[in-house]
Amino acid sequence: MTRTISKSKLKANMLRIFREIEESGEKLIVTDRNRPTLVIHPIKTKRKVDEVFAPYRGKMQILEEDINAPSSEDWEALQ
């Protein structure tokens, strides 16, 4: 859900609001006289490869065969 806030309310509570946006990751639309003027959103940081695949470490097996080669099931389907 995207929140909206007026410029005056943003100015009065800017640090608190910025911290909330950083934690929640949601967008904030800033209005001026009820007209949207700005969008504020956190910058997403890229995760390291080790961090992304950590839950799968030790749970996967790499087979030393050509994954593009047809299996015996594929050959049977063609006959």
N, C-alpha and C. Protein backbone atom coordinates (compact mmCIF):
# COMPACT_ATOMS: atom_id res chain seq x y z
N MET A 1 0.85 -1.18 0.00
CA MET A 1 0.00 0.00 0.00
C MET A 1 0.89 1.24 0.00
N THR A 2 0.57 2.21 -0.83
CA THR A 2 1.34 3.45 -0.92
C THR A 2 0.65 4.52 -0.08
N ARG A 3 1.44 5.14 0.77
CA ARG A 3 0.92 6.22 1.62
C ARG A 3 1.07 7.55 0.93
N THR A 4 0.27 8.53 1.34
CA THR A 4 0.41 9.90 0.86
C THR A 4 0.55 10.81 2.07
N ILE A 5 1.24 11.92 1.86
CA ILE A 5 1.44 12.89 2.93
C ILE A 5 1.64 14.26 2.30
N SER A 6 1.19 15.29 2.98
CA SER A 6 1.38 16.66 2.47
C SER A 6 2.81 17.11 2.75
N LYS A 7 3.26 18.10 1.99
CA LYS A 7 4.62 18.62 2.18
C LYS A 7 4.80 19.15 3.60
N SER A 8 3.80 19.82 4.13
CA SER A 8 3.94 20.41 5.46
C SER A 8 4.07 19.33 6.54
N LYS A 9 3.29 18.25 6.43
CA LYS A 9 3.40 17.16 7.41
C LYS A 9 4.73 16.43 7.26
N LEU A 10 5.20 16.28 6.02
CA LEU A 10 6.50 15.65 5.79
C LEU A 10 7.61 16.46 6.43
N LYS A 11 7.56 17.77 6.25
CA LYS A 11 8.59 18.65 6.81
C LYS A 11 8.65 18.54 8.32
N ALA A 12 7.51 18.47 8.96
CA ALA A 12 7.47 18.42 10.43
C ALA A 12 7.94 17.08 10.99
N ASN A 13 7.83 16.00 10.21
CA ASN A 13 8.16 14.66 10.71
C ASN A 13 9.13 13.90 9.81
N MET A 14 9.98 14.62 9.10
CA MET A 14 10.79 14.02 8.05
C MET A 14 11.66 12.85 8.52
N LEU A 15 12.44 13.00 9.57
CA LEU A 15 13.34 11.93 10.01
C LEU A 15 12.57 10.67 10.40
N ARG A 16 11.50 10.85 11.15
CA ARG A 16 10.69 9.70 11.56
C ARG A 16 10.11 8.99 10.34
N ILE A 17 9.59 9.75 9.40
CA ILE A 17 8.98 9.19 8.20
C ILE A 17 10.02 8.48 7.34
N PHE A 18 11.21 9.09 7.20
CA PHE A 18 12.27 8.45 6.42
C PHE A 18 12.66 7.12 7.03
N ARG A 19 12.75 7.06 8.35
CA ARG A 19 13.10 5.79 9.02
C ARG A 19 12.01 4.73 8.78
N GLU A 20 10.75 5.15 8.81
CA GLU A 20 9.65 4.21 8.55
C GLU A 20 9.72 3.66 7.13
N ILE A 21 10.03 4.53 6.18
CA ILE A 21 10.13 4.11 4.78
C ILE A 21 11.29 3.13 4.60
N GLU A 22 12.42 3.42 5.24
CA GLU A 22 13.59 2.53 5.15
C GLU A 22 13.26 1.14 5.68
N GLU A 23 12.53 1.08 6.77
CA GLU A 23 12.19 -0.22 7.38
C GLU A 23 11.11 -0.96 6.60
N SER A 24 10.08 -0.26 6.18
CA SER A 24 8.95 -0.92 5.52
C SER A 24 9.20 -1.19 4.04
N GLY A 25 10.00 -0.34 3.40
CA GLY A 25 10.26 -0.49 1.97
C GLY A 25 9.15 0.05 1.08
N GLU A 26 8.13 0.66 1.68
CA GLU A 26 7.01 1.15 0.87
C GLU A 26 7.29 2.55 0.31
N LYS A 27 6.53 2.91 -0.71
CA LYS A 27 6.63 4.23 -1.32
C LYS A 27 5.82 5.24 -0.52
N LEU A 28 6.20 6.51 -0.67
CA LEU A 28 5.46 7.60 -0.06
C LEU A 28 5.24 8.66 -1.13
N ILE A 29 4.00 9.05 -1.35
CA ILE A 29 3.69 10.10 -2.30
C ILE A 29 3.48 11.39 -1.52
N VAL A 30 4.22 12.43 -1.93
CA VAL A 30 4.13 13.73 -1.28
C VAL A 30 3.22 14.63 -2.13
N THR A 31 2.28 15.28 -1.45
CA THR A 31 1.32 16.13 -2.16
C THR A 31 1.54 17.59 -1.82
N ASP A 32 1.14 18.44 -2.75
CA ASP A 32 1.15 19.89 -2.55
C ASP A 32 -0.23 20.37 -2.98
N ARG A 33 -1.01 20.82 -2.01
CA ARG A 33 -2.40 21.24 -2.25
C ARG A 33 -3.20 20.09 -2.88
N ASN A 34 -3.05 18.91 -2.28
CA ASN A 34 -3.75 17.68 -2.69
C ASN A 34 -3.38 17.19 -4.10
N ARG A 35 -2.26 17.66 -4.63
CA ARG A 35 -1.80 17.21 -5.95
C ARG A 35 -0.48 16.49 -5.76
N PRO A 36 -0.34 15.26 -6.24
CA PRO A 36 0.92 14.53 -6.08
C PRO A 36 2.07 15.26 -6.77
N THR A 37 3.18 15.41 -6.05
CA THR A 37 4.33 16.11 -6.60
C THR A 37 5.62 15.29 -6.54
N LEU A 38 5.75 14.43 -5.54
CA LEU A 38 6.97 13.65 -5.36
C LEU A 38 6.65 12.22 -4.96
N VAL A 39 7.57 11.33 -5.27
CA VAL A 39 7.50 9.96 -4.76
C VAL A 39 8.82 9.68 -4.05
N ILE A 40 8.72 9.20 -2.83
CA ILE A 40 9.92 8.86 -2.06
C ILE A 40 9.88 7.35 -1.83
N HIS A 41 10.99 6.68 -2.14
CA HIS A 41 11.07 5.24 -1.89
C HIS A 41 12.52 4.88 -1.57
N PRO A 42 12.72 3.82 -0.79
CA PRO A 42 14.08 3.43 -0.44
C PRO A 42 14.80 2.81 -1.63
N ILE A 43 16.12 2.93 -1.62
CA ILE A 43 16.94 2.30 -2.65
C ILE A 43 17.16 0.86 -2.23
N LYS A 44 16.87 -0.06 -3.14
CA LYS A 44 17.06 -1.47 -2.84
C LYS A 44 18.52 -1.82 -3.06
N THR A 45 19.10 -2.47 -2.07
CA THR A 45 20.49 -2.88 -2.20
C THR A 45 20.55 -4.28 -2.79
N LYS A 46 21.56 -4.51 -3.58
CA LYS A 46 21.73 -5.83 -4.17
C LYS A 46 22.32 -6.76 -3.12
N ARG A 47 21.80 -7.97 -3.09
CA ARG A 47 22.30 -8.97 -2.16
C ARG A 47 23.42 -9.75 -2.81
N LYS A 48 24.36 -10.21 -2.00
CA LYS A 48 25.47 -11.01 -2.50
C LYS A 48 24.98 -12.40 -2.88
N VAL A 49 25.68 -13.03 -3.80
CA VAL A 49 25.29 -14.36 -4.28
C VAL A 49 25.25 -15.35 -3.12
N ASP A 50 26.24 -15.30 -2.24
CA ASP A 50 26.26 -16.22 -1.09
C ASP A 50 25.03 -16.04 -0.21
N GLU A 51 24.59 -14.82 -0.06
CA GLU A 51 23.41 -14.53 0.77
C GLU A 51 22.13 -15.07 0.12
N VAL A 52 22.03 -14.94 -1.20
CA VAL A 52 20.84 -15.40 -1.91
C VAL A 52 20.71 -16.92 -1.86
N PHE A 53 21.84 -17.62 -2.05
CA PHE A 53 21.79 -19.08 -2.13
C PHE A 53 22.06 -19.79 -0.81
N ALA A 54 22.27 -19.07 0.27
CA ALA A 54 22.57 -19.68 1.58
C ALA A 54 21.53 -20.71 2.01
N PRO A 55 20.23 -20.47 1.85
CA PRO A 55 19.25 -21.47 2.29
C PRO A 55 19.33 -22.79 1.53
N TYR A 56 19.94 -22.79 0.35
CA TYR A 56 19.99 -23.99 -0.48
C TYR A 56 21.32 -24.73 -0.38
N ARG A 57 22.28 -24.15 0.34
CA ARG A 57 23.60 -24.76 0.47
C ARG A 57 23.47 -26.15 1.11
N GLY A 58 24.04 -27.14 0.45
CA GLY A 58 24.00 -28.51 0.95
C GLY A 58 22.72 -29.26 0.62
N LYS A 59 21.77 -28.61 -0.02
CA LYS A 59 20.49 -29.25 -0.34
C LYS A 59 20.34 -29.55 -1.83
N MET A 60 21.31 -29.12 -2.62
CA MET A 60 21.23 -29.32 -4.06
C MET A 60 22.38 -30.22 -4.51
N GLN A 61 22.17 -30.87 -5.62
CA GLN A 61 23.18 -31.77 -6.16
C GLN A 61 23.42 -31.41 -7.62
N ILE A 62 24.68 -31.27 -7.98
CA ILE A 62 25.04 -30.96 -9.35
C ILE A 62 25.40 -32.27 -10.03
N LEU A 63 24.69 -32.58 -11.10
CA LEU A 63 24.95 -33.81 -11.85
C LEU A 63 25.93 -33.50 -12.97
N GLU A 64 26.85 -34.40 -13.21
CA GLU A 64 27.86 -34.20 -14.23
C GLU A 64 27.40 -34.76 -15.57
N GLU A 65 26.25 -34.32 -16.03
CA GLU A 65 25.76 -34.76 -17.33
C GLU A 65 25.27 -33.55 -18.10
N ASP A 66 25.14 -33.70 -19.38
CA ASP A 66 24.70 -32.61 -20.24
C ASP A 66 23.19 -32.40 -20.05
N ILE A 67 22.82 -31.26 -19.49
CA ILE A 67 21.40 -31.02 -19.24
C ILE A 67 20.61 -30.77 -20.51
N ASN A 68 21.32 -30.50 -21.61
CA ASN A 68 20.64 -30.28 -22.89
C ASN A 68 20.44 -31.56 -23.68
N ALA A 69 21.08 -32.64 -23.26
CA ALA A 69 20.93 -33.91 -23.97
C ALA A 69 19.55 -34.49 -23.67
N PRO A 70 18.91 -35.07 -24.67
CA PRO A 70 17.58 -35.65 -24.42
C PRO A 70 17.67 -36.87 -23.51
N SER A 71 16.69 -37.02 -22.67
CA SER A 71 16.64 -38.18 -21.78
C SER A 71 16.03 -39.35 -22.52
N SER A 72 16.09 -40.53 -21.91
CA SER A 72 15.49 -41.71 -22.56
C SER A 72 13.98 -41.51 -22.71
N GLU A 73 13.36 -40.80 -21.79
CA GLU A 73 11.93 -40.51 -21.88
C GLU A 73 11.62 -39.67 -23.11
N ASP A 74 12.51 -38.71 -23.40
CA ASP A 74 12.31 -37.87 -24.58
C ASP A 74 12.38 -38.70 -25.85
N TRP A 75 13.34 -39.64 -25.91
CA TRP A 75 13.48 -40.48 -27.09
C TRP A 75 12.26 -41.38 -27.27
N GLU A 76 11.74 -41.89 -26.19
CA GLU A 76 10.57 -42.77 -26.28
C GLU A 76 9.35 -42.01 -26.79
N ALA A 77 9.24 -40.75 -26.38
CA ALA A 77 8.10 -39.93 -26.80
C ALA A 77 8.14 -39.66 -28.30
N LEU A 78 9.34 -39.63 -28.87
CA LEU A 78 9.48 -39.34 -30.29
C LEU A 78 9.16 -40.56 -31.17
N GLN A 79 9.20 -41.75 -30.61
CA GLN A 79 8.99 -42.96 -31.42
C GLN A 79 7.53 -43.26 -31.62
